[in-house]
Amino acid sequence: MTTFTPHTHRTPTPPPPPHPHAHPPTPTHTDVSQRCVEKQDHGLQEGLDPILIHMCKPALPDDVKKTPKHVYLQLEVRNTHR
């Protein structure tokens, strides 16, 4: 009678080759950074958002137990306020 012994040792399969696009891109311009190397100043502090937030403080209470108040604003907004 022949007995069957399952094969318990498996040969590890080698990892697949890297995808051809998986390497970092070659910089085309050596004088331009390819990643973030300096903090950008977007000028948001001079924009309209901080002014609106300040004027709408009654509608944005710090304490969750306080009831927000209605705020009505009528302002001139220009295309430069982005």
N, C-alpha and C. Protein backbone atom coordinates (compact mmCIF):
# COMPACT_ATOMS: atom_id res chain seq x y z
N MET A 1 0.84 -1.16 0.00
CA MET A 1 0.00 0.00 0.00
C MET A 1 0.90 1.24 0.00
N THR A 2 0.54 2.22 -0.83
CA THR A 2 1.30 3.45 -0.92
C THR A 2 0.62 4.52 -0.09
N THR A 3 1.39 5.22 0.72
CA THR A 3 0.83 6.32 1.52
C THR A 3 1.23 7.65 0.89
N PHE A 4 0.34 8.58 1.00
CA PHE A 4 0.58 9.91 0.43
C PHE A 4 1.06 10.84 1.53
N THR A 5 2.21 11.46 1.32
CA THR A 5 2.74 12.44 2.25
C THR A 5 2.67 13.81 1.57
N PRO A 6 1.89 14.73 2.13
CA PRO A 6 1.79 16.05 1.49
C PRO A 6 3.13 16.78 1.53
N HIS A 7 3.34 17.54 0.53
CA HIS A 7 4.58 18.33 0.44
C HIS A 7 4.45 19.52 1.38
N THR A 8 5.23 19.54 2.42
CA THR A 8 5.11 20.60 3.42
C THR A 8 6.12 21.71 3.22
N HIS A 9 7.14 21.50 2.46
CA HIS A 9 8.15 22.54 2.26
C HIS A 9 7.92 23.19 0.90
N ARG A 10 7.69 24.47 0.90
CA ARG A 10 7.47 25.19 -0.34
C ARG A 10 8.68 26.06 -0.63
N THR A 11 9.05 26.08 -1.84
CA THR A 11 10.14 26.96 -2.25
C THR A 11 9.58 28.38 -2.33
N PRO A 12 10.20 29.34 -1.64
CA PRO A 12 9.65 30.70 -1.69
C PRO A 12 9.73 31.27 -3.11
N THR A 13 8.66 31.91 -3.48
CA THR A 13 8.66 32.51 -4.81
C THR A 13 9.39 33.84 -4.74
N PRO A 14 10.18 34.14 -5.73
CA PRO A 14 10.91 35.40 -5.71
C PRO A 14 9.94 36.57 -5.87
N PRO A 15 10.29 37.73 -5.34
CA PRO A 15 9.40 38.88 -5.48
C PRO A 15 9.31 39.29 -6.95
N PRO A 16 8.20 39.88 -7.33
CA PRO A 16 8.07 40.28 -8.72
C PRO A 16 9.02 41.43 -9.03
N PRO A 17 9.41 41.57 -10.27
CA PRO A 17 10.29 42.68 -10.62
C PRO A 17 9.57 44.00 -10.42
N PRO A 18 10.29 45.06 -10.10
CA PRO A 18 9.62 46.35 -9.90
C PRO A 18 8.98 46.83 -11.19
N HIS A 19 7.90 47.53 -11.01
CA HIS A 19 7.20 48.09 -12.16
C HIS A 19 8.10 49.15 -12.80
N PRO A 20 8.11 49.25 -14.12
CA PRO A 20 9.03 50.19 -14.76
C PRO A 20 8.78 51.65 -14.37
N HIS A 21 7.58 51.96 -13.88
CA HIS A 21 7.28 53.35 -13.49
C HIS A 21 7.42 53.55 -11.98
N ALA A 22 7.96 52.58 -11.26
CA ALA A 22 8.04 52.67 -9.80
C ALA A 22 9.25 53.46 -9.32
N HIS A 23 10.15 53.79 -10.17
CA HIS A 23 11.33 54.53 -9.75
C HIS A 23 11.02 56.03 -9.77
N PRO A 24 11.74 56.83 -8.98
CA PRO A 24 11.49 58.28 -8.98
C PRO A 24 11.81 58.87 -10.34
N PRO A 25 11.04 59.88 -10.74
CA PRO A 25 11.28 60.47 -12.06
C PRO A 25 12.62 61.18 -12.12
N THR A 26 13.20 61.16 -13.26
CA THR A 26 14.45 61.87 -13.47
C THR A 26 14.11 63.35 -13.64
N PRO A 27 14.72 64.23 -12.83
CA PRO A 27 14.41 65.65 -12.96
C PRO A 27 14.78 66.16 -14.35
N THR A 28 13.86 66.86 -14.96
CA THR A 28 14.13 67.42 -16.28
C THR A 28 14.81 68.78 -16.16
N HIS A 29 14.50 69.48 -15.07
CA HIS A 29 15.12 70.79 -14.83
C HIS A 29 15.88 70.70 -13.51
N THR A 30 17.16 70.81 -13.55
CA THR A 30 17.95 70.67 -12.33
C THR A 30 17.86 71.92 -11.45
N ASP A 31 17.39 73.05 -11.99
CA ASP A 31 17.30 74.27 -11.20
C ASP A 31 15.94 74.41 -10.51
N VAL A 32 15.03 73.43 -10.65
CA VAL A 32 13.71 73.48 -10.05
C VAL A 32 13.59 72.32 -9.07
N SER A 33 13.07 72.60 -7.87
CA SER A 33 12.90 71.56 -6.85
C SER A 33 11.80 70.60 -7.27
N GLN A 34 11.99 69.34 -6.97
CA GLN A 34 11.01 68.31 -7.29
C GLN A 34 10.14 67.97 -6.08
N ARG A 35 10.40 68.59 -4.95
CA ARG A 35 9.61 68.36 -3.73
C ARG A 35 9.57 69.67 -2.94
N CYS A 36 8.80 69.68 -1.88
CA CYS A 36 8.65 70.89 -1.06
C CYS A 36 9.94 71.13 -0.28
N VAL A 37 10.61 72.24 -0.54
CA VAL A 37 11.86 72.55 0.15
C VAL A 37 11.79 73.88 0.88
N GLU A 38 10.74 74.67 0.66
CA GLU A 38 10.59 75.93 1.38
C GLU A 38 9.11 76.19 1.61
N LYS A 39 8.82 76.87 2.71
CA LYS A 39 7.45 77.18 3.08
C LYS A 39 6.90 78.26 2.15
N GLN A 40 5.69 78.05 1.67
CA GLN A 40 5.07 79.01 0.77
C GLN A 40 4.24 80.00 1.57
N ASP A 41 4.24 81.23 1.13
CA ASP A 41 3.39 82.26 1.71
C ASP A 41 2.26 82.52 0.73
N HIS A 42 1.07 82.04 1.07
CA HIS A 42 -0.07 82.19 0.17
C HIS A 42 -0.78 83.52 0.36
N GLY A 43 -0.39 84.27 1.38
CA GLY A 43 -1.03 85.56 1.63
C GLY A 43 -2.44 85.44 2.17
N LEU A 44 -2.76 84.30 2.81
CA LEU A 44 -4.11 84.09 3.31
C LEU A 44 -4.47 85.03 4.45
N GLN A 45 -3.47 85.49 5.20
CA GLN A 45 -3.74 86.39 6.32
C GLN A 45 -4.24 87.75 5.84
N GLU A 46 -3.91 88.10 4.61
CA GLU A 46 -4.37 89.37 4.06
C GLU A 46 -5.66 89.20 3.27
N GLY A 47 -6.20 88.00 3.21
CA GLY A 47 -7.40 87.73 2.42
C GLY A 47 -8.65 88.12 3.18
N LEU A 48 -9.76 87.71 2.64
CA LEU A 48 -11.07 88.06 3.19
C LEU A 48 -11.48 87.11 4.32
N ASP A 49 -11.00 85.89 4.33
CA ASP A 49 -11.43 84.90 5.33
C ASP A 49 -11.22 85.36 6.76
N PRO A 50 -10.03 85.85 7.16
CA PRO A 50 -9.86 86.27 8.55
C PRO A 50 -10.81 87.41 8.94
N ILE A 51 -11.13 88.28 8.00
CA ILE A 51 -12.05 89.38 8.29
C ILE A 51 -13.46 88.82 8.51
N LEU A 52 -13.88 87.91 7.66
CA LEU A 52 -15.21 87.31 7.81
C LEU A 52 -15.32 86.52 9.10
N ILE A 53 -14.30 85.77 9.43
CA ILE A 53 -14.33 84.97 10.67
C ILE A 53 -14.44 85.89 11.88
N HIS A 54 -13.69 86.97 11.87
CA HIS A 54 -13.73 87.93 12.98
C HIS A 54 -15.13 88.55 13.09
N MET A 55 -15.71 88.94 11.97
CA MET A 55 -17.02 89.59 11.99
C MET A 55 -18.15 88.61 12.32
N CYS A 56 -17.92 87.33 12.11
CA CYS A 56 -18.94 86.32 12.37
C CYS A 56 -18.75 85.60 13.70
N LYS A 57 -17.89 86.12 14.57
CA LYS A 57 -17.64 85.47 15.87
C LYS A 57 -18.91 85.17 16.66
N PRO A 58 -19.93 86.06 16.66
CA PRO A 58 -21.15 85.72 17.40
C PRO A 58 -21.84 84.46 16.88
N ALA A 59 -21.65 84.14 15.63
CA ALA A 59 -22.27 82.93 15.07
C ALA A 59 -21.40 81.70 15.28
N LEU A 60 -20.19 81.90 15.78
CA LEU A 60 -19.24 80.81 16.00
C LEU A 60 -18.81 80.77 17.45
N PRO A 61 -19.70 80.42 18.38
CA PRO A 61 -19.32 80.46 19.80
C PRO A 61 -18.27 79.39 20.12
N ASP A 62 -17.38 79.73 21.05
CA ASP A 62 -16.36 78.79 21.50
C ASP A 62 -16.96 77.70 22.38
N ASP A 63 -17.96 78.06 23.14
CA ASP A 63 -18.60 77.12 24.06
C ASP A 63 -19.77 76.46 23.34
N VAL A 64 -19.81 75.14 23.33
CA VAL A 64 -20.87 74.42 22.64
C VAL A 64 -22.23 74.61 23.32
N LYS A 65 -22.23 75.06 24.57
CA LYS A 65 -23.49 75.28 25.29
C LYS A 65 -24.14 76.60 24.91
N LYS A 66 -23.37 77.50 24.32
CA LYS A 66 -23.93 78.79 23.93
C LYS A 66 -24.67 78.65 22.59
N THR A 67 -25.73 79.39 22.47
CA THR A 67 -26.50 79.39 21.23
C THR A 67 -25.88 80.36 20.25
N PRO A 68 -25.60 79.92 19.03
CA PRO A 68 -25.04 80.85 18.04
C PRO A 68 -26.05 81.95 17.71
N LYS A 69 -25.54 83.13 17.48
CA LYS A 69 -26.39 84.26 17.12
C LYS A 69 -26.39 84.41 15.60
N HIS A 70 -27.47 84.95 15.08
CA HIS A 70 -27.55 85.23 13.65
C HIS A 70 -26.68 86.43 13.33
N VAL A 71 -25.97 86.34 12.24
CA VAL A 71 -25.11 87.44 11.79
C VAL A 71 -25.48 87.77 10.36
N TYR A 72 -25.63 89.03 10.08
CA TYR A 72 -25.91 89.48 8.73
C TYR A 72 -24.81 90.44 8.31
N LEU A 73 -24.15 90.15 7.22
CA LEU A 73 -23.08 91.00 6.71
C LEU A 73 -23.41 91.40 5.28
N GLN A 74 -23.14 92.64 4.98
CA GLN A 74 -23.25 93.10 3.60
C GLN A 74 -21.94 93.80 3.29
N LEU A 75 -21.12 93.12 2.48
CA LEU A 75 -19.79 93.62 2.17
C LEU A 75 -19.58 93.67 0.67
N GLU A 76 -18.69 94.54 0.27
CA GLU A 76 -18.28 94.57 -1.13
C GLU A 76 -17.14 93.57 -1.29
N VAL A 77 -17.32 92.64 -2.20
CA VAL A 77 -16.30 91.63 -2.46
C VAL A 77 -15.83 91.81 -3.89
N ARG A 78 -14.54 91.86 -4.04
CA ARG A 78 -13.95 92.03 -5.36
C ARG A 78 -13.28 90.73 -5.81
N ASN A 79 -12.96 90.66 -7.06
CA ASN A 79 -12.33 89.48 -7.62
C ASN A 79 -10.93 89.24 -7.03
N THR A 80 -10.35 90.21 -6.41
CA THR A 80 -9.02 90.05 -5.80
C THR A 80 -9.12 89.34 -4.45
N HIS A 81 -10.31 89.17 -3.89
CA HIS A 81 -10.50 88.50 -2.60
C HIS A 81 -10.66 87.01 -2.83
N ARG A 82 -9.58 86.32 -3.22
CA ARG A 82 -9.66 84.88 -3.45
C ARG A 82 -8.81 84.16 -2.45
